[in-house]
N, C-alpha and C. Protein backbone atom coordinates (compact mmCIF):
# COMPACT_ATOMS: atom_id res chain seq x y z
N UNK A 1 37.31 -42.56 3.63
CA UNK A 1 36.50 -43.62 3.19
C UNK A 1 35.12 -43.20 2.61
N UNK A 2 34.92 -43.55 1.40
CA UNK A 2 33.43 -42.94 0.75
C UNK A 2 32.35 -43.74 1.29
N UNK A 3 31.18 -42.92 1.55
CA UNK A 3 29.97 -43.71 1.90
C UNK A 3 29.28 -44.32 0.72
N UNK A 4 28.76 -45.46 0.95
CA UNK A 4 28.16 -46.17 -0.35
C UNK A 4 26.53 -45.30 -0.35
N UNK A 5 26.13 -45.64 -1.57
CA UNK A 5 24.75 -45.02 -1.44
C UNK A 5 23.72 -45.78 -0.46
N UNK A 6 23.95 -46.89 -0.10
CA UNK A 6 23.22 -47.62 1.04
C UNK A 6 23.38 -46.97 2.18
N UNK A 7 24.50 -46.77 2.48
CA UNK A 7 24.90 -46.00 4.06
C UNK A 7 24.19 -44.72 4.08
N UNK A 8 24.30 -43.78 2.88
CA UNK A 8 23.62 -42.48 2.88
C UNK A 8 22.13 -42.64 2.94
N UNK A 9 21.52 -43.60 2.26
CA UNK A 9 20.19 -43.80 2.28
C UNK A 9 19.63 -44.49 3.77
N UNK A 10 20.55 -45.10 4.41
CA UNK A 10 20.37 -45.69 5.63
C UNK A 10 20.00 -44.58 6.75
N UNK A 11 20.72 -43.53 6.66
CA UNK A 11 20.63 -42.42 7.61
C UNK A 11 19.80 -41.25 7.12
N UNK A 12 19.11 -41.32 6.02
CA UNK A 12 18.19 -40.39 5.57
C UNK A 12 17.17 -40.18 6.32
N UNK A 13 16.62 -39.07 6.44
CA UNK A 13 15.10 -38.92 7.05
C UNK A 13 14.11 -39.04 6.30
N UNK A 14 13.31 -39.93 6.61
CA UNK A 14 11.89 -40.15 6.00
C UNK A 14 10.90 -39.14 6.19
N UNK A 15 10.73 -38.18 5.26
CA UNK A 15 9.65 -37.20 5.63
C UNK A 15 8.36 -37.49 5.83
N UNK A 16 7.96 -38.67 5.45
CA UNK A 16 6.73 -39.17 5.68
C UNK A 16 6.58 -39.65 7.10
N UNK A 17 7.56 -40.33 7.73
CA UNK A 17 7.47 -40.72 9.06
C UNK A 17 7.52 -39.47 9.91
N UNK A 18 8.25 -38.15 9.40
CA UNK A 18 8.39 -37.21 10.17
C UNK A 18 6.94 -36.45 10.29
N UNK A 19 6.29 -36.49 9.22
CA UNK A 19 4.87 -35.78 9.24
C UNK A 19 3.96 -36.73 10.08
N UNK A 20 4.18 -37.93 10.16
CA UNK A 20 3.36 -38.82 10.83
C UNK A 20 3.64 -38.65 12.37
N UNK A 21 5.09 -38.36 12.65
CA UNK A 21 5.41 -38.19 14.02
C UNK A 21 4.57 -36.96 14.59
N UNK A 22 4.78 -35.85 13.60
CA UNK A 22 4.28 -34.55 13.94
C UNK A 22 2.78 -34.63 14.29
N UNK A 23 2.05 -35.42 13.51
CA UNK A 23 0.61 -35.51 14.02
C UNK A 23 0.45 -36.42 15.45
N UNK A 24 1.33 -37.34 15.60
CA UNK A 24 1.23 -38.14 16.84
C UNK A 24 1.62 -37.06 17.99
N UNK A 25 2.54 -36.26 17.83
CA UNK A 25 3.04 -35.43 18.89
C UNK A 25 1.60 -34.40 19.15
N UNK A 26 1.15 -33.87 18.01
CA UNK A 26 -0.02 -32.89 18.31
C UNK A 26 -1.23 -33.76 18.94
N UNK A 27 -1.49 -35.00 18.82
CA UNK A 27 -2.56 -35.70 19.27
C UNK A 27 -2.16 -36.14 20.87
N UNK A 28 -0.86 -36.38 21.05
CA UNK A 28 -0.71 -37.35 22.27
C UNK A 28 0.30 -36.23 23.32
N UNK A 29 1.03 -35.29 22.71
CA UNK A 29 1.95 -34.69 23.68
C UNK A 29 1.70 -33.18 23.76
N UNK A 30 1.03 -32.60 22.83
CA UNK A 30 0.70 -31.19 22.89
C UNK A 30 0.06 -30.73 24.08
N UNK A 31 -0.73 -31.25 24.58
CA UNK A 31 -1.43 -30.93 25.88
C UNK A 31 -0.64 -30.44 26.94
N UNK A 32 0.36 -31.24 27.14
CA UNK A 32 1.27 -30.79 28.38
C UNK A 32 2.53 -29.91 27.92
N UNK A 33 3.05 -30.47 26.75
CA UNK A 33 4.29 -29.83 26.32
C UNK A 33 4.30 -28.91 25.39
N UNK A 34 3.11 -28.59 24.88
CA UNK A 34 2.95 -27.38 23.93
C UNK A 34 3.58 -27.60 22.56
N UNK A 35 3.35 -26.81 21.62
CA UNK A 35 4.00 -26.76 20.32
C UNK A 35 5.55 -26.97 20.41
N UNK A 36 6.08 -27.76 19.38
CA UNK A 36 7.55 -27.61 19.29
C UNK A 36 8.09 -26.22 19.23
N UNK A 37 9.29 -26.01 19.80
CA UNK A 37 9.85 -24.79 19.84
C UNK A 37 10.43 -24.14 18.43
N UNK A 38 10.81 -25.09 17.47
CA UNK A 38 11.22 -24.59 16.28
C UNK A 38 10.93 -25.69 15.21
N UNK A 39 9.78 -25.65 14.84
CA UNK A 39 9.15 -26.39 13.62
C UNK A 39 8.17 -25.59 12.95
N UNK A 40 8.77 -24.72 11.84
CA UNK A 40 7.59 -24.19 10.93
C UNK A 40 6.69 -24.81 10.45
N UNK A 41 6.76 -26.19 10.21
CA UNK A 41 5.78 -26.98 9.46
C UNK A 41 4.58 -27.20 10.46
N UNK A 42 5.00 -27.38 11.77
CA UNK A 42 4.04 -27.57 13.00
C UNK A 42 3.02 -26.33 12.95
N UNK A 43 3.93 -25.19 12.88
CA UNK A 43 3.06 -23.86 13.10
C UNK A 43 2.40 -23.54 11.95
N UNK A 44 2.63 -24.09 10.84
CA UNK A 44 1.85 -23.66 9.50
C UNK A 44 0.66 -24.65 9.64
N UNK A 45 0.70 -25.78 9.94
CA UNK A 45 -0.23 -26.67 10.07
C UNK A 45 -1.34 -26.47 10.98
N UNK A 46 -0.93 -26.11 12.40
CA UNK A 46 -1.73 -25.71 13.51
C UNK A 46 -1.18 -24.35 14.06
N UNK A 47 -1.67 -23.12 13.10
CA UNK A 47 -0.99 -21.88 13.58
C UNK A 47 -1.49 -21.49 15.03
N UNK A 48 -2.77 -21.83 15.36
CA UNK A 48 -3.16 -21.32 16.63
C UNK A 48 -2.54 -22.06 17.78
N UNK A 49 -1.76 -23.21 17.66
CA UNK A 49 -1.22 -23.92 18.42
C UNK A 49 0.21 -23.54 18.65
N UNK A 50 0.76 -22.60 17.98
CA UNK A 50 2.12 -22.30 18.01
C UNK A 50 2.65 -22.14 19.39
N UNK A 51 4.01 -22.48 19.71
CA UNK A 51 4.55 -22.28 20.97
C UNK A 51 4.61 -20.71 21.05
N UNK A 52 4.88 -20.06 19.96
CA UNK A 52 5.02 -18.69 20.28
C UNK A 52 3.89 -17.76 20.23
N UNK A 53 2.78 -18.33 20.11
CA UNK A 53 1.49 -17.54 20.37
C UNK A 53 1.21 -17.13 21.81
N UNK A 54 0.80 -15.85 21.91
CA UNK A 54 0.43 -15.46 23.19
C UNK A 54 -0.43 -16.43 24.13
N UNK A 55 -1.32 -17.19 23.46
CA UNK A 55 -2.12 -18.14 23.89
C UNK A 55 -2.74 -19.07 22.99
N UNK A 56 -2.86 -20.50 23.53
CA UNK A 56 -3.63 -21.38 22.63
C UNK A 56 -4.89 -21.63 23.05
N UNK A 57 -5.95 -22.01 22.04
CA UNK A 57 -7.31 -22.04 22.35
C UNK A 57 -7.61 -22.78 23.58
N UNK A 58 -6.85 -24.04 23.65
CA UNK A 58 -7.26 -25.02 24.82
C UNK A 58 -6.77 -24.33 26.07
N UNK A 59 -5.76 -23.49 26.15
CA UNK A 59 -5.33 -22.90 27.33
C UNK A 59 -6.27 -21.50 27.84
N UNK A 60 -6.50 -20.82 26.58
CA UNK A 60 -7.36 -19.76 27.01
C UNK A 60 -8.81 -19.96 27.46
N UNK A 61 -9.21 -21.08 27.23
CA UNK A 61 -10.45 -21.55 27.75
C UNK A 61 -10.42 -21.79 29.15
N UNK A 62 -9.20 -22.06 29.72
CA UNK A 62 -8.95 -22.24 31.14
C UNK A 62 -8.38 -20.89 31.72
N UNK A 63 -8.34 -19.83 31.00
CA UNK A 63 -7.93 -18.76 31.64
C UNK A 63 -6.14 -18.58 31.67
N UNK A 64 -5.57 -19.28 30.89
CA UNK A 64 -4.02 -19.46 31.06
C UNK A 64 -3.59 -19.01 29.75
N UNK A 65 -2.40 -18.39 29.86
CA UNK A 65 -1.76 -17.86 28.63
C UNK A 65 -0.33 -18.75 28.57
N UNK A 66 0.24 -18.53 27.31
CA UNK A 66 1.55 -19.25 27.00
C UNK A 66 2.58 -18.34 27.57
N UNK A 67 2.63 -17.11 27.59
CA UNK A 67 3.67 -16.30 28.13
C UNK A 67 3.14 -15.28 29.31
N UNK A 68 3.89 -15.00 30.32
CA UNK A 68 3.60 -14.14 31.39
C UNK A 68 4.73 -13.22 31.61
N UNK A 69 4.27 -11.93 31.77
CA UNK A 69 5.16 -10.94 32.18
C UNK A 69 5.43 -10.57 33.48
N UNK A 70 6.67 -10.79 33.85
CA UNK A 70 7.16 -10.39 35.25
C UNK A 70 8.20 -9.42 35.36
N UNK A 71 8.10 -8.22 35.80
CA UNK A 71 9.17 -7.30 35.86
C UNK A 71 9.70 -6.99 34.67
N UNK A 72 8.81 -6.76 33.53
CA UNK A 72 9.20 -6.23 32.34
C UNK A 72 9.92 -7.44 31.53
N UNK A 73 9.89 -8.67 31.92
CA UNK A 73 10.36 -9.77 31.12
C UNK A 73 9.33 -10.82 30.69
N UNK A 74 9.42 -11.42 29.67
CA UNK A 74 8.61 -12.40 29.34
C UNK A 74 9.02 -13.75 29.53
N UNK A 75 8.16 -14.61 30.32
CA UNK A 75 8.64 -16.02 30.61
C UNK A 75 7.49 -17.09 30.04
N UNK A 76 8.04 -18.18 29.50
CA UNK A 76 6.98 -19.13 29.12
C UNK A 76 6.18 -19.76 30.11
N UNK A 77 5.00 -19.88 30.11
CA UNK A 77 4.16 -20.41 31.30
C UNK A 77 4.01 -21.92 30.84
N UNK A 78 4.98 -22.81 31.57
CA UNK A 78 4.91 -24.20 31.42
C UNK A 78 3.59 -24.53 31.82
N UNK A 79 3.00 -25.66 31.31
CA UNK A 79 1.94 -26.33 31.49
C UNK A 79 2.14 -27.09 32.94
N UNK A 80 1.17 -26.93 33.84
CA UNK A 80 1.19 -27.77 35.10
C UNK A 80 0.00 -28.54 35.40
N UNK A 81 0.24 -29.68 35.61
CA UNK A 81 -0.85 -30.73 35.84
C UNK A 81 -0.65 -31.43 37.16
N UNK A 82 -1.63 -31.65 37.98
CA UNK A 82 -1.58 -32.54 39.34
C UNK A 82 -0.86 -33.90 38.81
N UNK A 83 -0.10 -34.43 39.61
CA UNK A 83 0.33 -35.80 39.44
C UNK A 83 -0.82 -36.75 39.16
N UNK A 84 -1.82 -36.52 40.25
CA UNK A 84 -2.92 -37.52 40.23
C UNK A 84 -3.73 -37.58 39.01
N UNK A 85 -3.75 -36.38 38.44
CA UNK A 85 -4.43 -36.13 37.04
C UNK A 85 -3.78 -36.82 35.97
N UNK A 86 -2.30 -36.75 35.90
CA UNK A 86 -1.64 -37.28 34.81
C UNK A 86 -1.49 -39.06 35.15
N UNK A 87 -1.69 -39.39 36.27
CA UNK A 87 -1.60 -40.82 36.59
C UNK A 87 -0.31 -41.58 36.36
N UNK A 88 0.82 -40.97 36.32
CA UNK A 88 2.16 -41.28 36.23
C UNK A 88 2.84 -41.61 37.47
N UNK A 89 4.01 -41.99 37.58
CA UNK A 89 4.88 -42.15 38.72
C UNK A 89 5.05 -40.83 39.48
N UNK A 90 4.69 -40.79 40.74
CA UNK A 90 4.87 -39.70 41.54
C UNK A 90 6.08 -39.49 42.24
N UNK A 91 7.17 -40.54 41.92
CA UNK A 91 8.51 -40.47 42.74
C UNK A 91 9.24 -39.26 42.37
N UNK A 92 9.14 -38.68 41.23
CA UNK A 92 10.18 -37.43 40.91
C UNK A 92 9.46 -36.28 41.69
N UNK A 93 8.28 -36.23 41.63
CA UNK A 93 7.71 -34.84 42.26
C UNK A 93 8.03 -35.25 43.88
N UNK A 94 7.80 -36.22 44.40
CA UNK A 94 8.30 -36.55 45.73
C UNK A 94 9.60 -36.05 46.19
N UNK A 95 10.46 -36.17 45.29
CA UNK A 95 11.79 -35.82 45.75
C UNK A 95 11.94 -34.35 46.25
N UNK A 96 11.21 -33.50 45.49
CA UNK A 96 11.14 -32.01 46.01
C UNK A 96 9.91 -31.80 46.80
N UNK A 97 8.89 -32.26 46.73
CA UNK A 97 7.81 -31.92 47.52
C UNK A 97 7.52 -32.46 48.96
N UNK A 98 7.84 -33.75 49.09
CA UNK A 98 7.68 -34.24 50.37
C UNK A 98 8.93 -34.77 51.11
N UNK A 99 10.14 -34.86 50.48
CA UNK A 99 11.23 -35.42 51.19
C UNK A 99 11.72 -34.34 52.24
N UNK A 100 12.24 -34.63 53.30
CA UNK A 100 12.77 -33.79 54.47
C UNK A 100 14.06 -34.15 54.74
N UNK A 101 14.80 -33.22 54.98
CA UNK A 101 16.20 -33.41 55.46
C UNK A 101 16.55 -32.66 56.68
N UNK A 102 17.82 -33.09 57.25
CA UNK A 102 18.34 -32.60 58.36
C UNK A 102 19.24 -31.40 58.13
N UNK A 103 19.11 -30.30 58.73
CA UNK A 103 20.07 -29.09 58.43
C UNK A 103 20.76 -28.98 59.89
N UNK A 104 22.15 -29.26 59.76
CA UNK A 104 22.97 -29.01 60.84
C UNK A 104 22.53 -27.39 61.56
N UNK A 105 22.76 -27.33 62.82
CA UNK A 105 22.59 -25.89 63.39
C UNK A 105 23.53 -25.15 63.03
N UNK A 106 24.68 -25.46 62.76
CA UNK A 106 25.92 -24.91 62.43
C UNK A 106 25.79 -24.14 61.04
N UNK A 107 24.79 -24.47 60.26
CA UNK A 107 24.57 -23.79 59.03
C UNK A 107 23.87 -22.44 59.13
N UNK A 108 23.20 -22.40 60.32
CA UNK A 108 22.42 -21.22 60.49
C UNK A 108 21.26 -20.90 59.60
N UNK A 109 20.65 -21.90 59.30
CA UNK A 109 19.42 -21.96 58.24
C UNK A 109 18.22 -22.16 58.78
N UNK A 110 17.34 -21.50 58.50
CA UNK A 110 15.91 -21.69 58.80
C UNK A 110 14.94 -21.35 57.61
N UNK A 111 14.76 -22.37 56.61
CA UNK A 111 14.18 -22.20 55.41
C UNK A 111 12.86 -21.11 55.50
N UNK A 112 12.06 -21.56 56.25
CA UNK A 112 10.75 -20.87 56.28
C UNK A 112 11.06 -19.28 56.74
N UNK A 113 11.74 -19.11 57.88
CA UNK A 113 11.95 -17.75 58.26
C UNK A 113 12.76 -16.79 57.21
N UNK A 114 13.82 -17.79 56.66
CA UNK A 114 14.61 -16.99 55.67
C UNK A 114 13.88 -16.64 54.45
N UNK A 115 13.14 -17.41 54.03
CA UNK A 115 12.40 -17.14 52.65
C UNK A 115 11.29 -15.83 52.86
N UNK A 116 10.59 -16.05 54.09
CA UNK A 116 9.49 -15.24 54.41
C UNK A 116 10.13 -13.93 54.42
N UNK A 117 11.33 -13.72 55.31
CA UNK A 117 12.09 -12.45 55.40
C UNK A 117 12.69 -11.98 54.19
N UNK A 118 13.21 -12.63 53.24
CA UNK A 118 13.84 -12.02 52.19
C UNK A 118 12.83 -11.68 50.98
N UNK A 119 11.75 -12.77 50.90
CA UNK A 119 10.99 -12.59 49.78
C UNK A 119 9.50 -12.41 49.97
N UNK A 120 9.22 -12.56 51.34
CA UNK A 120 7.89 -12.32 51.64
C UNK A 120 6.85 -13.55 51.02
N UNK A 121 7.42 -14.88 51.23
CA UNK A 121 6.70 -16.04 50.57
C UNK A 121 5.45 -16.29 51.40
N UNK A 122 5.22 -15.93 52.65
CA UNK A 122 4.03 -16.14 53.32
C UNK A 122 3.99 -17.56 53.67
N UNK A 123 5.14 -18.16 53.96
CA UNK A 123 5.01 -19.75 54.43
C UNK A 123 4.67 -19.74 55.76
N UNK A 124 3.53 -20.79 56.21
CA UNK A 124 3.20 -20.58 57.62
C UNK A 124 4.32 -21.64 58.45
N UNK A 125 4.39 -21.28 59.74
CA UNK A 125 5.28 -22.22 60.42
C UNK A 125 5.16 -23.59 60.28
N UNK A 126 6.16 -24.49 60.43
CA UNK A 126 6.25 -26.03 60.24
C UNK A 126 6.61 -26.39 61.58
N UNK A 127 5.68 -27.27 62.22
CA UNK A 127 6.18 -27.94 63.38
C UNK A 127 7.09 -29.10 63.37
N UNK A 128 7.32 -29.79 62.00
CA UNK A 128 8.35 -30.77 61.91
C UNK A 128 9.55 -30.30 62.12
N UNK A 129 10.38 -31.31 62.76
CA UNK A 129 11.86 -31.00 63.14
C UNK A 129 12.82 -30.75 62.00
N UNK A 130 12.52 -31.39 60.85
CA UNK A 130 13.11 -31.27 59.58
C UNK A 130 12.48 -30.54 58.48
N UNK A 131 13.21 -29.53 57.64
CA UNK A 131 12.41 -28.90 56.77
C UNK A 131 12.33 -29.64 55.47
N UNK A 132 11.33 -29.30 54.68
CA UNK A 132 11.20 -29.82 53.26
C UNK A 132 12.47 -29.59 52.47
N UNK A 133 12.68 -30.67 51.73
CA UNK A 133 13.87 -30.48 50.86
C UNK A 133 13.96 -29.14 49.90
N UNK A 134 12.59 -29.11 49.31
CA UNK A 134 12.63 -27.97 48.42
C UNK A 134 12.75 -26.69 48.90
N UNK A 135 12.34 -26.49 50.21
CA UNK A 135 12.47 -25.04 50.80
C UNK A 135 13.89 -24.96 51.25
N UNK A 136 14.46 -26.03 51.83
CA UNK A 136 16.09 -25.96 52.30
C UNK A 136 16.78 -25.51 51.06
N UNK A 137 16.48 -26.19 49.92
CA UNK A 137 17.33 -26.00 48.44
C UNK A 137 17.16 -24.51 48.10
N UNK A 138 15.90 -24.11 48.26
CA UNK A 138 15.76 -22.72 47.87
C UNK A 138 16.57 -21.66 48.70
N UNK A 139 16.43 -21.94 50.13
CA UNK A 139 17.29 -21.14 51.02
C UNK A 139 18.86 -21.12 50.71
N UNK A 140 19.36 -22.54 50.48
CA UNK A 140 20.82 -22.47 50.29
C UNK A 140 21.17 -21.83 48.94
N UNK A 141 20.45 -21.93 47.93
CA UNK A 141 20.72 -21.31 46.72
C UNK A 141 20.81 -19.94 46.85
N UNK A 142 19.68 -19.26 47.67
CA UNK A 142 19.58 -17.96 47.80
C UNK A 142 20.70 -17.35 48.83
N UNK A 143 20.97 -17.91 49.69
CA UNK A 143 22.19 -17.57 50.65
C UNK A 143 23.48 -17.71 49.92
N UNK A 144 23.65 -18.65 49.05
CA UNK A 144 24.88 -18.73 48.03
C UNK A 144 24.99 -17.55 47.32
N UNK A 145 23.97 -17.18 46.54
CA UNK A 145 23.96 -15.94 45.50
C UNK A 145 24.27 -14.72 46.38
N UNK A 146 23.54 -14.50 47.56
CA UNK A 146 23.95 -13.45 48.33
C UNK A 146 25.30 -13.48 48.81
N UNK A 147 25.89 -14.75 49.27
CA UNK A 147 27.36 -14.48 49.69
C UNK A 147 28.25 -14.09 48.29
N UNK A 148 27.84 -14.66 47.16
CA UNK A 148 28.73 -14.26 45.93
C UNK A 148 28.52 -12.91 45.88
N UNK A 149 27.35 -12.05 45.93
CA UNK A 149 27.27 -10.80 45.75
C UNK A 149 28.09 -10.10 46.89
N UNK A 150 28.11 -10.42 48.00
CA UNK A 150 28.94 -9.75 48.99
C UNK A 150 30.30 -9.89 48.87
N UNK A 151 30.90 -11.20 48.29
CA UNK A 151 32.18 -11.40 48.06
C UNK A 151 32.66 -10.47 46.95
N UNK A 152 31.85 -10.19 45.88
CA UNK A 152 32.25 -9.44 44.70
C UNK A 152 31.72 -7.90 44.95
N UNK A 153 31.25 -7.50 46.03
CA UNK A 153 30.88 -6.31 46.27
C UNK A 153 29.83 -5.77 45.02
N UNK A 154 28.87 -6.54 44.98
CA UNK A 154 27.96 -6.20 43.75
C UNK A 154 27.24 -5.02 44.14
N UNK A 155 27.03 -4.37 42.90
CA UNK A 155 26.06 -3.09 42.91
C UNK A 155 24.67 -3.70 43.09
N UNK A 156 23.70 -2.87 43.21
CA UNK A 156 22.39 -3.24 43.47
C UNK A 156 21.87 -3.67 42.02
N UNK A 157 22.28 -2.97 41.01
CA UNK A 157 21.79 -3.33 39.61
C UNK A 157 22.39 -4.73 39.30
N UNK A 158 23.60 -5.10 39.58
CA UNK A 158 24.12 -6.48 39.54
C UNK A 158 23.28 -7.52 40.26
N UNK A 159 22.86 -7.16 41.46
CA UNK A 159 22.12 -8.04 42.34
C UNK A 159 20.73 -8.19 41.50
N UNK A 160 20.23 -7.23 41.10
CA UNK A 160 18.84 -7.48 40.63
C UNK A 160 19.04 -8.17 39.23
N UNK A 161 20.08 -8.07 38.43
CA UNK A 161 20.25 -8.82 37.27
C UNK A 161 20.51 -10.43 37.54
N UNK A 162 21.18 -10.49 38.66
CA UNK A 162 21.59 -11.95 39.06
C UNK A 162 20.23 -12.62 39.58
N UNK A 163 19.39 -11.90 40.28
CA UNK A 163 18.22 -12.62 40.63
C UNK A 163 17.03 -12.76 39.68
N UNK A 164 16.93 -11.51 38.77
CA UNK A 164 15.87 -11.46 38.04
C UNK A 164 14.76 -10.96 38.88
N UNK A 165 13.60 -10.72 38.21
CA UNK A 165 12.39 -10.19 38.82
C UNK A 165 11.40 -11.14 39.56
N UNK A 166 11.66 -12.39 39.37
CA UNK A 166 10.85 -13.37 40.03
C UNK A 166 11.35 -13.83 41.49
N UNK A 167 10.37 -13.93 42.51
CA UNK A 167 10.61 -14.38 43.73
C UNK A 167 11.07 -15.71 43.84
N UNK A 168 12.02 -16.01 44.83
CA UNK A 168 12.61 -17.23 45.23
C UNK A 168 11.51 -17.73 46.24
N UNK A 169 10.19 -18.15 45.88
CA UNK A 169 9.27 -18.60 46.59
C UNK A 169 8.84 -19.78 46.02
N UNK A 170 7.90 -20.48 46.96
CA UNK A 170 7.34 -21.87 46.53
C UNK A 170 6.30 -21.84 45.59
N UNK A 171 6.23 -23.10 44.68
CA UNK A 171 5.13 -23.10 43.69
C UNK A 171 3.89 -22.99 44.41
N UNK A 172 2.96 -21.89 44.14
CA UNK A 172 1.79 -21.67 44.60
C UNK A 172 0.77 -22.85 44.39
N UNK A 173 0.73 -23.45 43.27
CA UNK A 173 0.07 -24.66 42.62
C UNK A 173 0.24 -25.86 43.20
N UNK A 174 1.54 -26.13 43.86
CA UNK A 174 1.86 -27.19 44.49
C UNK A 174 1.77 -27.23 46.08
N UNK A 175 2.07 -26.16 46.50
CA UNK A 175 2.01 -25.84 48.05
C UNK A 175 0.71 -24.79 48.30
N UNK A 176 -0.45 -25.22 48.87
CA UNK A 176 -1.69 -24.44 48.97
C UNK A 176 -1.74 -24.30 50.49
N UNK A 177 -2.16 -22.88 50.70
CA UNK A 177 -2.25 -22.62 52.15
C UNK A 177 -3.66 -23.22 52.65
N UNK A 178 -3.66 -23.82 53.75
CA UNK A 178 -4.90 -24.43 54.31
C UNK A 178 -4.79 -24.18 55.68
N UNK A 179 -5.97 -24.59 56.47
CA UNK A 179 -6.12 -24.43 57.99
C UNK A 179 -6.54 -25.76 58.58
N UNK A 180 -5.72 -26.22 59.53
CA UNK A 180 -6.13 -27.54 60.25
C UNK A 180 -6.44 -27.17 61.72
N UNK A 181 -6.98 -28.01 62.31
CA UNK A 181 -7.24 -27.91 63.83
C UNK A 181 -6.48 -28.84 64.66
N UNK A 182 -5.55 -28.56 65.55
CA UNK A 182 -4.66 -29.32 66.08
C UNK A 182 -4.87 -28.98 67.73
N UNK A 183 -5.04 -29.95 68.33
CA UNK A 183 -5.28 -29.74 69.96
C UNK A 183 -6.18 -28.83 70.31
N UNK A 184 -7.28 -28.47 69.50
CA UNK A 184 -8.33 -27.49 69.81
C UNK A 184 -7.92 -26.13 69.11
N UNK A 185 -6.94 -26.03 68.46
CA UNK A 185 -6.53 -24.70 67.86
C UNK A 185 -6.41 -24.86 66.20
N UNK A 186 -6.64 -23.70 65.60
CA UNK A 186 -6.63 -23.72 64.23
C UNK A 186 -5.30 -23.14 63.85
N UNK A 187 -4.58 -23.73 62.82
CA UNK A 187 -3.33 -23.55 62.38
C UNK A 187 -3.19 -23.30 60.93
N UNK A 188 -2.40 -22.52 60.50
CA UNK A 188 -2.15 -22.23 59.06
C UNK A 188 -1.00 -23.41 58.80
N UNK A 189 -1.40 -24.11 57.59
CA UNK A 189 -0.52 -25.09 57.10
C UNK A 189 -0.20 -25.11 55.59
N UNK A 190 0.65 -25.70 55.10
CA UNK A 190 0.81 -25.83 53.55
C UNK A 190 0.30 -27.19 53.05
N UNK A 191 -0.80 -27.29 52.36
CA UNK A 191 -1.31 -28.43 52.06
C UNK A 191 -0.73 -28.84 50.51
N UNK A 192 -0.33 -30.11 50.36
CA UNK A 192 0.49 -30.41 49.18
C UNK A 192 -0.34 -31.04 48.03
N UNK A 193 -0.23 -30.56 46.82
CA UNK A 193 -0.80 -31.12 45.64
C UNK A 193 0.32 -31.35 44.54
N UNK A 194 1.14 -32.30 44.74
CA UNK A 194 2.05 -32.46 43.80
C UNK A 194 1.89 -32.08 42.22
N UNK A 195 2.71 -31.32 41.67
CA UNK A 195 2.49 -30.96 40.23
C UNK A 195 3.59 -31.47 39.48
N UNK A 196 3.56 -31.82 38.09
CA UNK A 196 4.59 -31.78 37.10
C UNK A 196 4.31 -30.53 36.08
N UNK A 197 5.65 -30.26 36.06
CA UNK A 197 5.78 -28.94 35.02
C UNK A 197 6.35 -29.71 33.89
N UNK A 198 5.34 -29.47 32.85
CA UNK A 198 5.97 -30.18 31.40
C UNK A 198 6.72 -29.25 30.82
N UNK A 199 8.03 -29.61 30.51
CA UNK A 199 8.94 -28.92 29.69
C UNK A 199 8.74 -28.75 28.20
N UNK A 200 8.92 -27.58 27.67
CA UNK A 200 8.96 -27.64 26.29
C UNK A 200 9.90 -28.69 25.52
N UNK A 201 9.52 -29.24 24.47
CA UNK A 201 10.32 -30.42 23.98
C UNK A 201 10.99 -29.77 22.63
N UNK A 202 12.11 -29.31 22.62
CA UNK A 202 12.92 -28.81 21.38
C UNK A 202 13.63 -29.98 20.83
N UNK A 203 13.27 -30.12 19.45
CA UNK A 203 14.10 -31.11 18.67
C UNK A 203 13.29 -32.43 18.50
N UNK A 204 12.01 -32.68 19.20
CA UNK A 204 11.21 -33.94 18.90
C UNK A 204 10.68 -33.89 17.46
């Protein structure tokens, strides 16, 4: 079936609207999501704000860079803002940061002890009977990878490639070390400041 001229025009991209959308993105979305991943026109119009620049002026003023090097690899440093500062729904952050779950003893998991032993995360003891979901998830994923390596008799090189250079530890900007006084004694605890990590938006 042939497309009529009307049908072809109906789905054509209006470049004027694209340019208007680009300006709107720069005004309202850039602060968190940074520049588009693949938009040469954006990079030409705002070269200092390109996603691929080592740093953008607004971030360098805060001592932050776009890219960080860990173990010889470069990672994009996604923007993080406290949920309270964004003023949006905090429920998505609560799923990972405040939700607690029951771990059956038969699993043999103790997230805080396991993560501290394997990665040196420096997590303080938690008196609560049930662990935080995010720490339990990190522990389960770590033990699963370890079991895969064991089952496949992985070499040390393969293990390093599997894990990469980053530690399997808590987000230090969300979980902040603090001290509280309980029953006349000082204790180290994790103080929570929920954060949203703004993902890059490819294709916007």
